[in-house]
N, C-alpha and C. Protein backbone atom coordinates (compact mmCIF):
# COMPACT_ATOMS: atom_id res chain seq x y z
N UNK A 1 -4.67 -15.79 13.74
CA UNK A 1 -5.00 -15.69 12.32
C UNK A 1 -4.36 -14.44 11.74
N UNK A 2 -3.60 -14.63 10.66
CA UNK A 2 -2.94 -13.52 10.00
C UNK A 2 -3.97 -12.76 9.18
N UNK A 3 -4.03 -11.45 9.40
CA UNK A 3 -5.02 -10.66 8.70
C UNK A 3 -4.53 -9.24 8.48
N UNK A 4 -4.86 -8.68 7.31
CA UNK A 4 -4.62 -7.29 6.99
C UNK A 4 -5.95 -6.67 6.60
N UNK A 5 -6.28 -5.53 7.20
CA UNK A 5 -7.55 -4.89 6.91
C UNK A 5 -7.30 -3.43 6.54
N UNK A 6 -7.61 -3.10 5.28
CA UNK A 6 -7.45 -1.72 4.82
C UNK A 6 -8.72 -0.91 5.11
N UNK A 7 -8.52 0.39 5.26
CA UNK A 7 -9.65 1.31 5.42
C UNK A 7 -9.20 2.69 4.99
N UNK A 8 -10.16 3.60 4.89
CA UNK A 8 -9.84 4.99 4.59
C UNK A 8 -10.10 5.42 3.17
N UNK A 9 -10.47 4.50 2.31
CA UNK A 9 -10.77 4.88 0.93
C UNK A 9 -12.04 5.71 0.85
N UNK A 10 -12.29 6.25 -0.31
CA UNK A 10 -13.50 7.05 -0.51
C UNK A 10 -13.46 7.77 -1.84
N UNK A 11 -14.38 8.70 -1.99
CA UNK A 11 -14.49 9.49 -3.22
C UNK A 11 -14.09 10.93 -2.92
N UNK A 12 -13.16 11.45 -3.71
CA UNK A 12 -12.69 12.83 -3.54
C UNK A 12 -12.57 13.49 -4.91
N UNK A 13 -12.48 14.80 -4.89
CA UNK A 13 -12.25 15.53 -6.13
C UNK A 13 -10.76 15.63 -6.41
N UNK A 14 -10.45 15.88 -7.66
CA UNK A 14 -9.06 16.05 -8.06
C UNK A 14 -8.38 17.11 -7.19
N UNK A 15 -7.18 16.79 -6.73
CA UNK A 15 -6.44 17.69 -5.84
C UNK A 15 -6.65 17.40 -4.37
N UNK A 16 -7.60 16.53 -4.07
CA UNK A 16 -7.90 16.19 -2.69
C UNK A 16 -6.92 15.21 -2.08
N UNK A 17 -7.20 14.86 -0.82
CA UNK A 17 -6.32 13.97 -0.06
C UNK A 17 -7.12 12.89 0.65
N UNK A 18 -6.47 11.78 0.89
CA UNK A 18 -7.02 10.69 1.68
C UNK A 18 -5.89 10.04 2.46
N UNK A 19 -6.22 9.43 3.58
CA UNK A 19 -5.26 8.64 4.33
C UNK A 19 -5.78 7.22 4.44
N UNK A 20 -5.04 6.29 3.85
CA UNK A 20 -5.39 4.89 3.92
C UNK A 20 -4.68 4.24 5.10
N UNK A 21 -5.36 3.30 5.75
CA UNK A 21 -4.77 2.54 6.85
C UNK A 21 -4.81 1.06 6.54
N UNK A 22 -3.87 0.34 7.11
CA UNK A 22 -3.81 -1.11 6.96
C UNK A 22 -3.46 -1.69 8.32
N UNK A 23 -4.45 -2.24 8.99
CA UNK A 23 -4.26 -2.79 10.32
C UNK A 23 -3.91 -4.26 10.23
N UNK A 24 -2.82 -4.64 10.90
CA UNK A 24 -2.37 -6.03 10.87
C UNK A 24 -2.73 -6.73 12.17
N UNK A 25 -3.07 -8.00 12.07
CA UNK A 25 -3.30 -8.83 13.25
C UNK A 25 -2.74 -10.22 12.97
N UNK A 26 -2.31 -10.87 14.04
CA UNK A 26 -1.76 -12.21 13.90
C UNK A 26 -0.29 -12.25 13.55
N UNK A 27 0.30 -11.11 13.28
CA UNK A 27 1.73 -11.03 13.02
C UNK A 27 2.18 -9.59 13.25
N UNK A 28 3.48 -9.39 13.34
CA UNK A 28 4.05 -8.06 13.57
C UNK A 28 4.54 -7.51 12.24
N UNK A 29 3.85 -6.48 11.73
CA UNK A 29 4.17 -6.02 10.39
C UNK A 29 5.55 -5.39 10.28
N UNK A 30 6.12 -4.96 11.39
CA UNK A 30 7.46 -4.38 11.31
C UNK A 30 8.53 -5.44 11.05
N UNK A 31 8.16 -6.71 11.10
CA UNK A 31 9.09 -7.80 10.78
C UNK A 31 9.07 -8.15 9.29
N UNK A 32 8.24 -7.47 8.53
CA UNK A 32 8.04 -7.79 7.13
C UNK A 32 8.31 -6.57 6.25
N UNK A 33 8.58 -6.82 4.99
CA UNK A 33 8.47 -5.76 4.00
C UNK A 33 6.98 -5.58 3.73
N UNK A 34 6.50 -4.36 3.90
CA UNK A 34 5.09 -4.06 3.67
C UNK A 34 4.95 -3.23 2.41
N UNK A 35 3.96 -3.54 1.63
CA UNK A 35 3.81 -2.94 0.30
C UNK A 35 2.38 -2.47 0.09
N UNK A 36 2.24 -1.34 -0.57
CA UNK A 36 0.95 -0.88 -1.09
C UNK A 36 0.96 -1.10 -2.60
N UNK A 37 -0.08 -1.73 -3.09
CA UNK A 37 -0.31 -1.92 -4.51
C UNK A 37 -1.68 -1.35 -4.84
N UNK A 38 -1.91 -1.07 -6.10
CA UNK A 38 -3.25 -0.64 -6.51
C UNK A 38 -3.62 -1.28 -7.83
N UNK A 39 -4.92 -1.37 -8.06
CA UNK A 39 -5.40 -1.93 -9.31
C UNK A 39 -6.46 -1.02 -9.87
N UNK A 40 -6.10 -0.22 -10.89
CA UNK A 40 -7.10 0.64 -11.54
C UNK A 40 -8.15 -0.20 -12.26
N UNK A 41 -9.32 0.32 -12.49
CA UNK A 41 -10.36 -0.46 -13.18
C UNK A 41 -9.92 -0.90 -14.56
N UNK A 42 -10.03 -2.19 -14.82
CA UNK A 42 -9.69 -2.74 -16.13
C UNK A 42 -8.20 -2.89 -16.40
N UNK A 43 -7.38 -2.67 -15.38
CA UNK A 43 -5.92 -2.74 -15.58
C UNK A 43 -5.29 -3.72 -14.58
N UNK A 44 -4.00 -3.95 -14.74
CA UNK A 44 -3.27 -4.82 -13.83
C UNK A 44 -2.79 -4.07 -12.61
N UNK A 45 -2.15 -4.79 -11.71
CA UNK A 45 -1.64 -4.19 -10.48
C UNK A 45 -0.52 -3.21 -10.77
N UNK A 46 -0.48 -2.16 -10.00
CA UNK A 46 0.61 -1.17 -10.04
C UNK A 46 1.24 -1.11 -8.66
N UNK A 47 2.55 -1.02 -8.63
CA UNK A 47 3.26 -0.90 -7.35
C UNK A 47 3.24 0.55 -6.91
N UNK A 48 2.85 0.78 -5.68
CA UNK A 48 2.79 2.14 -5.14
C UNK A 48 4.01 2.42 -4.26
N UNK A 49 4.25 1.60 -3.26
CA UNK A 49 5.36 1.83 -2.35
C UNK A 49 5.60 0.60 -1.49
N UNK A 50 6.82 0.49 -0.98
CA UNK A 50 7.17 -0.57 -0.05
C UNK A 50 8.05 0.00 1.05
N UNK A 51 7.93 -0.56 2.24
CA UNK A 51 8.82 -0.19 3.33
C UNK A 51 9.40 -1.45 3.95
N UNK A 52 10.70 -1.42 4.21
CA UNK A 52 11.38 -2.58 4.75
C UNK A 52 11.14 -2.69 6.25
N UNK A 53 11.57 -3.79 6.83
CA UNK A 53 11.43 -3.98 8.27
C UNK A 53 12.23 -2.93 9.04
N UNK A 54 13.28 -2.40 8.44
CA UNK A 54 14.10 -1.38 9.10
C UNK A 54 13.59 0.03 8.84
N UNK A 55 12.54 0.15 8.01
CA UNK A 55 11.95 1.46 7.79
C UNK A 55 12.37 2.16 6.53
N UNK A 56 13.16 1.52 5.68
CA UNK A 56 13.53 2.11 4.40
C UNK A 56 12.32 2.03 3.47
N UNK A 57 12.00 3.12 2.80
CA UNK A 57 10.82 3.17 1.94
C UNK A 57 11.22 3.49 0.51
N UNK A 58 10.57 2.81 -0.41
CA UNK A 58 10.79 3.04 -1.83
C UNK A 58 9.43 3.23 -2.49
N UNK A 59 9.36 4.17 -3.45
CA UNK A 59 8.09 4.51 -4.09
C UNK A 59 8.11 4.21 -5.59
N UNK A 60 6.95 3.86 -6.09
CA UNK A 60 6.81 3.62 -7.50
C UNK A 60 6.67 4.91 -8.28
N UNK A 61 6.86 4.82 -9.60
CA UNK A 61 6.78 6.01 -10.45
C UNK A 61 5.40 6.64 -10.43
N UNK A 62 4.37 5.85 -10.13
CA UNK A 62 3.00 6.37 -10.14
C UNK A 62 2.80 7.42 -9.04
N UNK A 63 3.67 7.41 -8.03
CA UNK A 63 3.49 8.30 -6.88
C UNK A 63 3.83 9.74 -7.25
N UNK A 64 4.93 9.94 -7.94
CA UNK A 64 5.31 11.28 -8.36
C UNK A 64 5.46 12.26 -7.22
N UNK A 65 5.92 11.78 -6.07
CA UNK A 65 6.15 12.65 -4.93
C UNK A 65 4.89 13.07 -4.19
N UNK A 66 3.75 12.45 -4.49
CA UNK A 66 2.47 12.87 -3.91
C UNK A 66 2.01 12.01 -2.75
N UNK A 67 2.54 10.81 -2.59
CA UNK A 67 2.09 9.88 -1.56
C UNK A 67 3.20 9.67 -0.54
N UNK A 68 2.80 9.37 0.70
CA UNK A 68 3.76 9.09 1.76
C UNK A 68 3.33 7.86 2.52
N UNK A 69 4.24 6.91 2.61
CA UNK A 69 3.98 5.66 3.34
C UNK A 69 4.61 5.77 4.72
N UNK A 70 3.89 5.30 5.73
CA UNK A 70 4.43 5.32 7.08
C UNK A 70 3.91 4.13 7.86
N UNK A 71 4.49 3.94 9.05
CA UNK A 71 4.12 2.77 9.85
C UNK A 71 4.11 3.17 11.32
N UNK A 72 3.10 2.72 12.04
CA UNK A 72 3.03 2.91 13.49
C UNK A 72 3.19 1.54 14.12
N UNK A 73 4.39 1.27 14.62
CA UNK A 73 4.67 -0.07 15.18
C UNK A 73 3.82 -0.36 16.41
N UNK A 74 3.57 0.65 17.22
CA UNK A 74 2.77 0.44 18.43
C UNK A 74 1.35 0.00 18.10
N UNK A 75 0.83 0.52 16.99
CA UNK A 75 -0.53 0.16 16.57
C UNK A 75 -0.53 -0.99 15.56
N UNK A 76 0.67 -1.42 15.16
CA UNK A 76 0.79 -2.49 14.17
C UNK A 76 -0.02 -2.15 12.91
N UNK A 77 0.13 -0.90 12.48
CA UNK A 77 -0.67 -0.36 11.39
C UNK A 77 0.21 0.37 10.38
N UNK A 78 -0.12 0.19 9.14
CA UNK A 78 0.56 0.83 8.02
C UNK A 78 -0.34 1.93 7.48
N UNK A 79 0.27 2.99 6.96
CA UNK A 79 -0.52 4.10 6.42
C UNK A 79 -0.02 4.48 5.03
N UNK A 80 -0.91 5.06 4.26
CA UNK A 80 -0.53 5.66 2.98
C UNK A 80 -1.27 6.97 2.86
N UNK A 81 -0.53 8.08 2.92
CA UNK A 81 -1.10 9.40 2.77
C UNK A 81 -1.12 9.75 1.29
N UNK A 82 -2.30 10.01 0.77
CA UNK A 82 -2.47 10.34 -0.64
C UNK A 82 -2.81 11.82 -0.76
N UNK A 83 -1.92 12.59 -1.37
CA UNK A 83 -2.14 14.03 -1.58
C UNK A 83 -2.16 14.35 -3.07
N UNK A 84 -2.75 15.50 -3.40
CA UNK A 84 -2.80 15.95 -4.80
C UNK A 84 -3.33 14.85 -5.71
N UNK A 85 -4.42 14.24 -5.31
CA UNK A 85 -4.97 13.11 -6.05
C UNK A 85 -5.45 13.52 -7.44
N UNK A 86 -5.30 12.59 -8.37
CA UNK A 86 -5.69 12.79 -9.77
C UNK A 86 -6.70 11.71 -10.15
N UNK A 87 -7.50 11.94 -11.17
CA UNK A 87 -8.44 10.88 -11.61
C UNK A 87 -7.75 9.56 -11.92
N UNK A 88 -6.53 9.61 -12.42
CA UNK A 88 -5.81 8.36 -12.74
C UNK A 88 -5.37 7.59 -11.51
N UNK A 89 -5.55 8.17 -10.32
CA UNK A 89 -5.27 7.44 -9.08
C UNK A 89 -6.44 6.57 -8.66
N UNK A 90 -7.56 6.67 -9.38
CA UNK A 90 -8.71 5.84 -9.08
C UNK A 90 -8.35 4.37 -9.20
N UNK A 91 -8.54 3.62 -8.11
CA UNK A 91 -8.13 2.22 -8.07
C UNK A 91 -8.57 1.59 -6.75
N UNK A 92 -8.48 0.29 -6.71
CA UNK A 92 -8.57 -0.43 -5.43
C UNK A 92 -7.15 -0.50 -4.89
N UNK A 93 -6.98 -0.08 -3.65
CA UNK A 93 -5.67 -0.06 -3.02
C UNK A 93 -5.56 -1.21 -2.02
N UNK A 94 -4.44 -1.94 -2.12
CA UNK A 94 -4.21 -3.09 -1.27
C UNK A 94 -2.90 -2.94 -0.49
N UNK A 95 -2.87 -3.46 0.73
CA UNK A 95 -1.61 -3.62 1.42
C UNK A 95 -1.29 -5.11 1.46
N UNK A 96 0.00 -5.41 1.48
CA UNK A 96 0.43 -6.80 1.45
C UNK A 96 1.76 -6.94 2.16
N UNK A 97 2.01 -8.14 2.66
CA UNK A 97 3.22 -8.41 3.44
C UNK A 97 4.09 -9.43 2.72
N UNK A 98 5.40 -9.14 2.74
CA UNK A 98 6.39 -10.06 2.19
C UNK A 98 7.37 -10.40 3.29
N UNK A 99 7.59 -11.71 3.51
CA UNK A 99 8.56 -12.12 4.49
C UNK A 99 9.57 -13.07 3.87
N UNK A 100 10.65 -13.33 4.62
CA UNK A 100 11.61 -14.33 4.19
C UNK A 100 12.52 -13.91 3.05
N UNK A 101 12.66 -12.61 2.82
CA UNK A 101 13.55 -12.14 1.76
C UNK A 101 14.03 -10.74 2.11
N UNK A 102 15.16 -10.36 1.53
CA UNK A 102 15.69 -9.01 1.78
C UNK A 102 14.85 -8.00 1.02
N UNK A 103 15.02 -6.71 1.36
CA UNK A 103 14.22 -5.65 0.77
C UNK A 103 14.42 -5.58 -0.74
N UNK A 104 15.67 -5.76 -1.19
CA UNK A 104 15.95 -5.68 -2.63
C UNK A 104 15.18 -6.76 -3.39
N UNK A 105 15.15 -7.96 -2.84
CA UNK A 105 14.42 -9.04 -3.49
C UNK A 105 12.92 -8.76 -3.46
N UNK A 106 12.44 -8.23 -2.34
CA UNK A 106 11.02 -7.90 -2.23
C UNK A 106 10.62 -6.87 -3.29
N UNK A 107 11.48 -5.89 -3.53
CA UNK A 107 11.21 -4.88 -4.55
C UNK A 107 11.19 -5.52 -5.94
N UNK A 108 12.16 -6.40 -6.19
CA UNK A 108 12.19 -7.07 -7.51
C UNK A 108 10.91 -7.86 -7.75
N UNK A 109 10.35 -8.43 -6.69
CA UNK A 109 9.16 -9.27 -6.81
C UNK A 109 7.88 -8.51 -6.47
N UNK A 110 7.92 -7.20 -6.54
CA UNK A 110 6.83 -6.37 -6.06
C UNK A 110 5.52 -6.58 -6.80
N UNK A 111 5.55 -7.11 -8.02
CA UNK A 111 4.33 -7.33 -8.78
C UNK A 111 4.01 -8.82 -8.95
N UNK A 112 4.71 -9.66 -8.20
CA UNK A 112 4.46 -11.10 -8.25
C UNK A 112 3.56 -11.46 -7.07
N UNK A 113 2.31 -11.75 -7.35
CA UNK A 113 1.35 -12.01 -6.28
C UNK A 113 1.79 -13.15 -5.38
N UNK A 114 2.46 -14.14 -5.96
CA UNK A 114 2.89 -15.29 -5.17
C UNK A 114 3.99 -14.96 -4.18
N UNK A 115 4.63 -13.79 -4.34
CA UNK A 115 5.71 -13.39 -3.46
C UNK A 115 5.21 -12.82 -2.14
N UNK A 116 3.89 -12.62 -2.02
CA UNK A 116 3.32 -12.02 -0.82
C UNK A 116 2.73 -13.09 0.09
N UNK A 117 2.95 -12.93 1.40
CA UNK A 117 2.44 -13.88 2.38
C UNK A 117 1.00 -13.59 2.76
N UNK A 118 0.63 -12.33 2.69
CA UNK A 118 -0.72 -11.96 3.11
C UNK A 118 -1.17 -10.71 2.38
N UNK A 119 -2.45 -10.64 2.07
CA UNK A 119 -3.06 -9.49 1.38
C UNK A 119 -4.28 -9.02 2.18
N UNK A 120 -4.56 -7.74 2.09
CA UNK A 120 -5.82 -7.25 2.60
C UNK A 120 -6.91 -7.37 1.55
N UNK A 121 -8.12 -6.95 1.91
CA UNK A 121 -9.24 -7.07 0.99
C UNK A 121 -9.35 -5.87 0.05
N UNK A 122 -8.61 -4.82 0.36
CA UNK A 122 -8.59 -3.64 -0.49
C UNK A 122 -9.53 -2.54 -0.03
N UNK A 123 -9.21 -1.32 -0.39
CA UNK A 123 -10.08 -0.18 -0.13
C UNK A 123 -10.13 0.68 -1.40
N UNK A 124 -11.31 1.10 -1.79
CA UNK A 124 -11.51 1.79 -3.06
C UNK A 124 -11.26 3.29 -2.94
N UNK A 125 -10.46 3.81 -3.85
CA UNK A 125 -10.23 5.25 -3.96
C UNK A 125 -10.77 5.70 -5.32
N UNK A 126 -11.64 6.68 -5.31
CA UNK A 126 -12.21 7.21 -6.54
C UNK A 126 -11.99 8.71 -6.57
N UNK A 127 -11.33 9.19 -7.64
CA UNK A 127 -11.01 10.60 -7.77
C UNK A 127 -11.74 11.15 -8.99
N UNK A 128 -12.55 12.16 -8.79
CA UNK A 128 -13.30 12.76 -9.89
C UNK A 128 -12.64 14.07 -10.31
N UNK A 129 -12.79 14.38 -11.59
CA UNK A 129 -12.17 15.60 -12.13
C UNK A 129 -13.05 16.81 -11.93
């Protein structure tokens, strides 16, 4: 069974840090483009970052040099390090997998929900001022 499970969210003050994890089962995430998306309350999805099967990573404008995406192939787990958090980073954070396309196409379709093969259930990040 293909499954993605996020964890690591929580409540922090502005300027704080969190590390989100996304554990994959039923497939090898290094064979896919893996993406972090977020959905702030009352808003649509925002693209945070994506990493290709070869390890190339691209970040969305919302990151502003504050977040770092990484992958541990041995643990089949994806990570998102969130530093210098701001109240506007408050959102549900999701990891998702895209297969069957090159990295450039995956980036172009980064906000098309139908372009993803699998989604996690999300983990909530709340940043207070």
